[in-house]
Amino acid sequence: MPLGLFTGKRTYSINMINENVAGFSMNEEFTGLMGPLITRSIPDLQPSFDEFEKCLKQHALSFLIFEKTNS
């Protein structure tokens, strides 16, 4: 929206916890004068986020399996 009335920012982070474990997080932040009005109208997207996380994990694991079988 113009003039910074509403801004939405989604951040994805992948962090190595140790050699065999990675952590994934996703955060959304909404700011601006219209934020409170608009965020009330946004439906619960948690099921979509959960599905995204599940598919990302499956995709990442498929690379690990490929690497192990082709090493």
PDB file of N, CA and C in Angstrom:
ATOM      1  N   MET A   1       0.840  -1.181   0.000  1.00  0.00           N
ATOM      2  CA  MET A   1       0.000   0.000   0.000  1.00  0.00           C
ATOM      3  C   MET A   1       0.888   1.247   0.000  1.00  0.00           C
ATOM      4  N   PRO A   2       0.380   2.307  -0.588  1.00  0.00           N
ATOM      5  CA  PRO A   2       1.172   3.540  -0.626  1.00  0.00           C
ATOM      6  C   PRO A   2       1.334   4.151   0.764  1.00  0.00           C
ATOM      7  N   LEU A   3       2.364   4.941   0.892  1.00  0.00           N
ATOM      8  CA  LEU A   3       2.630   5.717   2.107  1.00  0.00           C
ATOM      9  C   LEU A   3       2.860   4.853   3.345  1.00  0.00           C
ATOM     10  N   GLY A   4       3.174   3.593   3.160  1.00  0.00           N
ATOM     11  CA  GLY A   4       3.437   2.728   4.298  1.00  0.00           C
ATOM     12  C   GLY A   4       2.225   2.459   5.163  1.00  0.00           C
ATOM     13  N   LEU A   5       1.016   2.541   4.566  1.00  0.00           N
ATOM     14  CA  LEU A   5      -0.191   2.291   5.345  1.00  0.00           C
ATOM     15  C   LEU A   5      -0.276   0.838   5.813  1.00  0.00           C
ATOM     16  N   PHE A   6       0.277  -0.057   5.010  1.00  0.00           N
ATOM     17  CA  PHE A   6       0.306  -1.464   5.406  1.00  0.00           C
ATOM     18  C   PHE A   6       1.497  -2.120   4.730  1.00  0.00           C
ATOM     19  N   THR A   7       2.281  -2.826   5.513  1.00  0.00           N
ATOM     20  CA  THR A   7       3.416  -3.573   4.993  1.00  0.00           C
ATOM     21  C   THR A   7       3.420  -4.944   5.650  1.00  0.00           C
ATOM     22  N   GLY A   8       3.539  -5.971   4.818  1.00  0.00           N
ATOM     23  CA  GLY A   8       3.661  -7.326   5.324  1.00  0.00           C
ATOM     24  C   GLY A   8       5.023  -7.882   4.958  1.00  0.00           C
ATOM     25  N   LYS A   9       5.672  -8.517   5.904  1.00  0.00           N
ATOM     26  CA  LYS A   9       6.996  -9.079   5.670  1.00  0.00           C
ATOM     27  C   LYS A   9       7.032 -10.502   6.209  1.00  0.00           C
ATOM     28  N   ARG A  10       7.416 -11.428   5.346  1.00  0.00           N
ATOM     29  CA  ARG A  10       7.561 -12.830   5.752  1.00  0.00           C
ATOM     30  C   ARG A  10       9.045 -13.180   5.673  1.00  0.00           C
ATOM     31  N   THR A  11       9.572 -13.749   6.747  1.00  0.00           N
ATOM     32  CA  THR A  11      10.983 -14.095   6.824  1.00  0.00           C
ATOM     33  C   THR A  11      11.126 -15.595   7.048  1.00  0.00           C
ATOM     34  N   TYR A  12      11.974 -16.211   6.239  1.00  0.00           N
ATOM     35  CA  TYR A  12      12.285 -17.630   6.386  1.00  0.00           C
ATOM     36  C   TYR A  12      13.718 -17.744   6.894  1.00  0.00           C
ATOM     37  N   SER A  13      13.958 -18.634   7.839  1.00  0.00           N
ATOM     38  CA  SER A  13      15.307 -18.851   8.366  1.00  0.00           C
ATOM     39  C   SER A  13      15.586 -20.341   8.455  1.00  0.00           C
ATOM     40  N   ILE A  14      16.769 -20.724   7.998  1.00  0.00           N
ATOM     41  CA  ILE A  14      17.252 -22.092   8.157  1.00  0.00           C
ATOM     42  C   ILE A  14      18.583 -21.982   8.887  1.00  0.00           C
ATOM     43  N   ASN A  15      18.665 -22.615  10.034  1.00  0.00           N
ATOM     44  CA  ASN A  15      19.856 -22.528  10.867  1.00  0.00           C
ATOM     45  C   ASN A  15      20.393 -23.925  11.152  1.00  0.00           C
ATOM     46  N   MET A  16      21.695 -24.084  11.025  1.00  0.00           N
ATOM     47  CA  MET A  16      22.327 -25.349  11.360  1.00  0.00           C
ATOM     48  C   MET A  16      22.441 -25.451  12.880  1.00  0.00           C
ATOM     49  N   ILE A  17      21.877 -26.510  13.433  1.00  0.00           N
ATOM     50  CA  ILE A  17      21.961 -26.751  14.872  1.00  0.00           C
ATOM     51  C   ILE A  17      23.210 -27.570  15.176  1.00  0.00           C
ATOM     52  N   ASN A  18      23.424 -28.593  14.364  1.00  0.00           N
ATOM     53  CA  ASN A  18      24.675 -29.340  14.403  1.00  0.00           C
ATOM     54  C   ASN A  18      24.880 -29.941  13.020  1.00  0.00           C
ATOM     55  N   GLU A  19      25.845 -30.818  12.868  1.00  0.00           N
ATOM     56  CA  GLU A  19      26.178 -31.359  11.544  1.00  0.00           C
ATOM     57  C   GLU A  19      25.011 -32.100  10.889  1.00  0.00           C
ATOM     58  N   ASN A  20      24.126 -32.671  11.702  1.00  0.00           N
ATOM     59  CA  ASN A  20      23.035 -33.488  11.175  1.00  0.00           C
ATOM     60  C   ASN A  20      21.652 -32.888  11.356  1.00  0.00           C
ATOM     61  N   VAL A  21      21.553 -31.725  11.966  1.00  0.00           N
ATOM     62  CA  VAL A  21      20.241 -31.152  12.287  1.00  0.00           C
ATOM     63  C   VAL A  21      20.193 -29.684  11.875  1.00  0.00           C
ATOM     64  N   ALA A  22      19.114 -29.343  11.199  1.00  0.00           N
ATOM     65  CA  ALA A  22      18.871 -27.944  10.833  1.00  0.00           C
ATOM     66  C   ALA A  22      17.512 -27.535  11.386  1.00  0.00           C
ATOM     67  N   GLY A  23      17.394 -26.285  11.753  1.00  0.00           N
ATOM     68  CA  GLY A  23      16.127 -25.747  12.233  1.00  0.00           C
ATOM     69  C   GLY A  23      15.541 -24.816  11.191  1.00  0.00           C
ATOM     70  N   PHE A  24      14.230 -24.805  11.075  1.00  0.00           N
ATOM     71  CA  PHE A  24      13.542 -23.942  10.120  1.00  0.00           C
ATOM     72  C   PHE A  24      12.502 -23.118  10.866  1.00  0.00           C
ATOM     73  N   SER A  25      12.430 -21.838  10.546  1.00  0.00           N
ATOM     74  CA  SER A  25      11.380 -21.010  11.125  1.00  0.00           C
ATOM     75  C   SER A  25      10.875 -20.021  10.079  1.00  0.00           C
ATOM     76  N   MET A  26       9.624 -19.645  10.254  1.00  0.00           N
ATOM     77  CA  MET A  26       8.993 -18.683   9.361  1.00  0.00           C
ATOM     78  C   MET A  26       8.257 -17.690  10.247  1.00  0.00           C
ATOM     79  N   ASN A  27       8.410 -16.399   9.938  1.00  0.00           N
ATOM     80  CA  ASN A  27       7.802 -15.358  10.750  1.00  0.00           C
ATOM     81  C   ASN A  27       7.120 -14.348   9.837  1.00  0.00           C
ATOM     82  N   GLU A  28       5.972 -13.869  10.247  1.00  0.00           N
ATOM     83  CA  GLU A  28       5.283 -12.803   9.525  1.00  0.00           C
ATOM     84  C   GLU A  28       5.148 -11.594  10.429  1.00  0.00           C
ATOM     85  N   GLU A  29       5.369 -10.434   9.836  1.00  0.00           N
ATOM     86  CA  GLU A  29       5.249  -9.188  10.586  1.00  0.00           C
ATOM     87  C   GLU A  29       4.462  -8.197   9.735  1.00  0.00           C
ATOM     88  N   PHE A  30       3.423  -7.625  10.315  1.00  0.00           N
ATOM     89  CA  PHE A  30       2.598  -6.644   9.629  1.00  0.00           C
ATOM     90  C   PHE A  30       2.704  -5.323  10.365  1.00  0.00           C
ATOM     91  N   THR A  31       2.954  -4.257   9.616  1.00  0.00           N
ATOM     92  CA  THR A  31       3.081  -2.940  10.220  1.00  0.00           C
ATOM     93  C   THR A  31       2.287  -1.919   9.402  1.00  0.00           C
ATOM     94  N   GLY A  32       2.114  -0.752   9.955  1.00  0.00           N
ATOM     95  CA  GLY A  32       1.442   0.353   9.272  1.00  0.00           C
ATOM     96  C   GLY A  32       0.125   0.708   9.938  1.00  0.00           C
ATOM     97  N   LEU A  33      -0.373   1.876   9.604  1.00  0.00           N
ATOM     98  CA  LEU A  33      -1.606   2.371  10.206  1.00  0.00           C
ATOM     99  C   LEU A  33      -2.812   1.477   9.927  1.00  0.00           C
ATOM    100  N   MET A  34      -2.845   0.863   8.748  1.00  0.00           N
ATOM    101  CA  MET A  34      -3.970  -0.004   8.385  1.00  0.00           C
ATOM    102  C   MET A  34      -3.790  -1.440   8.887  1.00  0.00           C
ATOM    103  N   GLY A  35      -2.647  -1.717   9.485  1.00  0.00           N
ATOM    104  CA  GLY A  35      -2.331  -3.072   9.949  1.00  0.00           C
ATOM    105  C   GLY A  35      -3.419  -3.725  10.766  1.00  0.00           C
ATOM    106  N   PRO A  36      -3.892  -3.077  11.837  1.00  0.00           N
ATOM    107  CA  PRO A  36      -4.928  -3.719  12.659  1.00  0.00           C
ATOM    108  C   PRO A  36      -6.203  -4.049  11.880  1.00  0.00           C
ATOM    109  N   LEU A  37      -6.589  -3.201  10.941  1.00  0.00           N
ATOM    110  CA  LEU A  37      -7.800  -3.474  10.154  1.00  0.00           C
ATOM    111  C   LEU A  37      -7.591  -4.635   9.185  1.00  0.00           C
ATOM    112  N   ILE A  38      -6.450  -4.627   8.531  1.00  0.00           N
ATOM    113  CA  ILE A  38      -6.193  -5.650   7.517  1.00  0.00           C
ATOM    114  C   ILE A  38      -5.910  -7.004   8.145  1.00  0.00           C
ATOM    115  N   THR A  39      -5.136  -7.034   9.218  1.00  0.00           N
ATOM    116  CA  THR A  39      -4.793  -8.337   9.813  1.00  0.00           C
ATOM    117  C   THR A  39      -6.023  -9.052  10.362  1.00  0.00           C
ATOM    118  N   ARG A  40      -7.031  -8.316  10.749  1.00  0.00           N
ATOM    119  CA  ARG A  40      -8.280  -8.960  11.206  1.00  0.00           C
ATOM    120  C   ARG A  40      -8.973  -9.719  10.079  1.00  0.00           C
ATOM    121  N   SER A  41      -8.752  -9.265   8.837  1.00  0.00           N
ATOM    122  CA  SER A  41      -9.430  -9.901   7.709  1.00  0.00           C
ATOM    123  C   SER A  41      -8.608 -11.028   7.082  1.00  0.00           C
ATOM    124  N   ILE A  42      -7.374 -11.226   7.533  1.00  0.00           N
ATOM    125  CA  ILE A  42      -6.541 -12.300   6.996  1.00  0.00           C
ATOM    126  C   ILE A  42      -6.952 -13.607   7.673  1.00  0.00           C
ATOM    127  N   PRO A  43      -7.277 -14.627   6.865  1.00  0.00           N
ATOM    128  CA  PRO A  43      -7.673 -15.910   7.470  1.00  0.00           C
ATOM    129  C   PRO A  43      -6.493 -16.596   8.148  1.00  0.00           C
ATOM    130  N   ASP A  44      -6.782 -17.607   8.939  1.00  0.00           N
ATOM    131  CA  ASP A  44      -5.745 -18.392   9.607  1.00  0.00           C
ATOM    132  C   ASP A  44      -4.973 -19.168   8.544  1.00  0.00           C
ATOM    133  N   LEU A  45      -3.716 -18.823   8.363  1.00  0.00           N
ATOM    134  CA  LEU A  45      -2.883 -19.466   7.354  1.00  0.00           C
ATOM    135  C   LEU A  45      -1.985 -20.555   7.933  1.00  0.00           C
ATOM    136  N   GLN A  46      -2.146 -20.862   9.222  1.00  0.00           N
ATOM    137  CA  GLN A  46      -1.285 -21.857   9.851  1.00  0.00           C
ATOM    138  C   GLN A  46      -1.305 -23.205   9.131  1.00  0.00           C
ATOM    139  N   PRO A  47      -2.477 -23.704   8.699  1.00  0.00           N
ATOM    140  CA  PRO A  47      -2.462 -24.976   7.960  1.00  0.00           C
ATOM    141  C   PRO A  47      -1.606 -24.908   6.685  1.00  0.00           C
ATOM    142  N   SER A  48      -1.644 -23.793   5.986  1.00  0.00           N
ATOM    143  CA  SER A  48      -0.812 -23.632   4.785  1.00  0.00           C
ATOM    144  C   SER A  48       0.666 -23.593   5.150  1.00  0.00           C
ATOM    145  N   PHE A  49       1.000 -22.907   6.245  1.00  0.00           N
ATOM    146  CA  PHE A  49       2.390 -22.843   6.685  1.00  0.00           C
ATOM    147  C   PHE A  49       2.880 -24.229   7.091  1.00  0.00           C
ATOM    148  N   ASP A  50       2.039 -24.990   7.778  1.00  0.00           N
ATOM    149  CA  ASP A  50       2.409 -26.342   8.193  1.00  0.00           C
ATOM    150  C   ASP A  50       2.664 -27.228   6.979  1.00  0.00           C
ATOM    151  N   GLU A  51       1.832 -27.108   5.959  1.00  0.00           N
ATOM    152  CA  GLU A  51       2.005 -27.893   4.732  1.00  0.00           C
ATOM    153  C   GLU A  51       3.296 -27.489   4.010  1.00  0.00           C
ATOM    154  N   PHE A  52       3.568 -26.198   3.954  1.00  0.00           N
ATOM    155  CA  PHE A  52       4.803 -25.707   3.343  1.00  0.00           C
ATOM    156  C   PHE A  52       6.017 -26.290   4.062  1.00  0.00           C
ATOM    157  N   GLU A  53       6.000 -26.265   5.388  1.00  0.00           N
ATOM    158  CA  GLU A  53       7.106 -26.780   6.191  1.00  0.00           C
ATOM    159  C   GLU A  53       7.289 -28.280   5.945  1.00  0.00           C
ATOM    160  N   LYS A  54       6.185 -29.009   5.885  1.00  0.00           N
ATOM    161  CA  LYS A  54       6.243 -30.455   5.652  1.00  0.00           C
ATOM    162  C   LYS A  54       6.859 -30.759   4.282  1.00  0.00           C
ATOM    163  N   CYS A  55       6.433 -30.043   3.257  1.00  0.00           N
ATOM    164  CA  CYS A  55       6.959 -30.264   1.905  1.00  0.00           C
ATOM    165  C   CYS A  55       8.425 -29.853   1.800  1.00  0.00           C
ATOM    166  N   LEU A  56       8.795 -28.759   2.459  1.00  0.00           N
ATOM    167  CA  LEU A  56      10.192 -28.324   2.459  1.00  0.00           C
ATOM    168  C   LEU A  56      11.069 -29.395   3.101  1.00  0.00           C
ATOM    169  N   LYS A  57      10.608 -29.966   4.212  1.00  0.00           N
ATOM    170  CA  LYS A  57      11.371 -31.020   4.886  1.00  0.00           C
ATOM    171  C   LYS A  57      11.533 -32.240   3.984  1.00  0.00           C
ATOM    172  N   GLN A  58      10.445 -32.665   3.321  1.00  0.00           N
ATOM    173  CA  GLN A  58      10.519 -33.814   2.422  1.00  0.00           C
ATOM    174  C   GLN A  58      11.496 -33.549   1.284  1.00  0.00           C
ATOM    175  N   HIS A  59      11.463 -32.341   0.751  1.00  0.00           N
ATOM    176  CA  HIS A  59      12.351 -31.978  -0.357  1.00  0.00           C
ATOM    177  C   HIS A  59      13.815 -31.997   0.108  1.00  0.00           C
ATOM    178  N   ALA A  60      14.073 -31.420   1.279  1.00  0.00           N
ATOM    179  CA  ALA A  60      15.438 -31.400   1.811  1.00  0.00           C
ATOM    180  C   ALA A  60      15.936 -32.815   2.079  1.00  0.00           C
ATOM    181  N   LEU A  61      15.074 -33.660   2.643  1.00  0.00           N
ATOM    182  CA  LEU A  61      15.471 -35.043   2.922  1.00  0.00           C
ATOM    183  C   LEU A  61      15.750 -35.819   1.645  1.00  0.00           C
ATOM    184  N   SER A  62      15.024 -35.516   0.568  1.00  0.00           N
ATOM    185  CA  SER A  62      15.266 -36.209  -0.700  1.00  0.00           C
ATOM    186  C   SER A  62      16.666 -35.897  -1.221  1.00  0.00           C
ATOM    187  N   PHE A  63      17.172 -34.690  -0.982  1.00  0.00           N
ATOM    188  CA  PHE A  63      18.541 -34.357  -1.367  1.00  0.00           C
ATOM    189  C   PHE A  63      19.544 -35.145  -0.552  1.00  0.00           C
ATOM    190  N   LEU A  64      19.270 -35.308   0.746  1.00  0.00           N
ATOM    191  CA  LEU A  64      20.179 -36.079   1.590  1.00  0.00           C
ATOM    192  C   LEU A  64      20.239 -37.530   1.149  1.00  0.00           C
ATOM    193  N   ILE A  65      19.087 -38.106   0.836  1.00  0.00           N
ATOM    194  CA  ILE A  65      19.043 -39.498   0.378  1.00  0.00           C
ATOM    195  C   ILE A  65      19.797 -39.635  -0.945  1.00  0.00           C
ATOM    196  N   PHE A  66      19.617 -38.682  -1.853  1.00  0.00           N
ATOM    197  CA  PHE A  66      20.307 -38.693  -3.141  1.00  0.00           C
ATOM    198  C   PHE A  66      21.822 -38.619  -2.930  1.00  0.00           C
ATOM    199  N   GLU A  67      22.246 -37.706  -2.041  1.00  0.00           N
ATOM    200  CA  GLU A  67      23.677 -37.545  -1.750  1.00  0.00           C
ATOM    201  C   GLU A  67      24.272 -38.842  -1.201  1.00  0.00           C
ATOM    202  N   LYS A  68      23.570 -39.486  -0.273  1.00  0.00           N
ATOM    203  CA  LYS A  68      24.097 -40.708   0.347  1.00  0.00           C
ATOM    204  C   LYS A  68      24.174 -41.860  -0.651  1.00  0.00           C
ATOM    205  N   THR A  69      23.199 -41.971  -1.548  1.00  0.00           N
ATOM    206  CA  THR A  69      23.193 -43.075  -2.501  1.00  0.00           C
ATOM    207  C   THR A  69      24.144 -42.847  -3.664  1.00  0.00           C
ATOM    208  N   ASN A  70      24.542 -41.621  -3.892  1.00  0.00           N
ATOM    209  CA  ASN A  70      25.440 -41.320  -5.012  1.00  0.00           C
ATOM    210  C   ASN A  70      26.851 -40.924  -4.565  1.00  0.00           C
ATOM    211  N   SER A  71      27.175 -41.201  -3.332  1.00  0.00           N
ATOM    212  CA  SER A  71      28.532 -40.870  -2.832  1.00  0.00           C
ATOM    213  C   SER A  71      29.442 -42.059  -2.968  1.00  0.00           C
TER     214      SER A  71
END
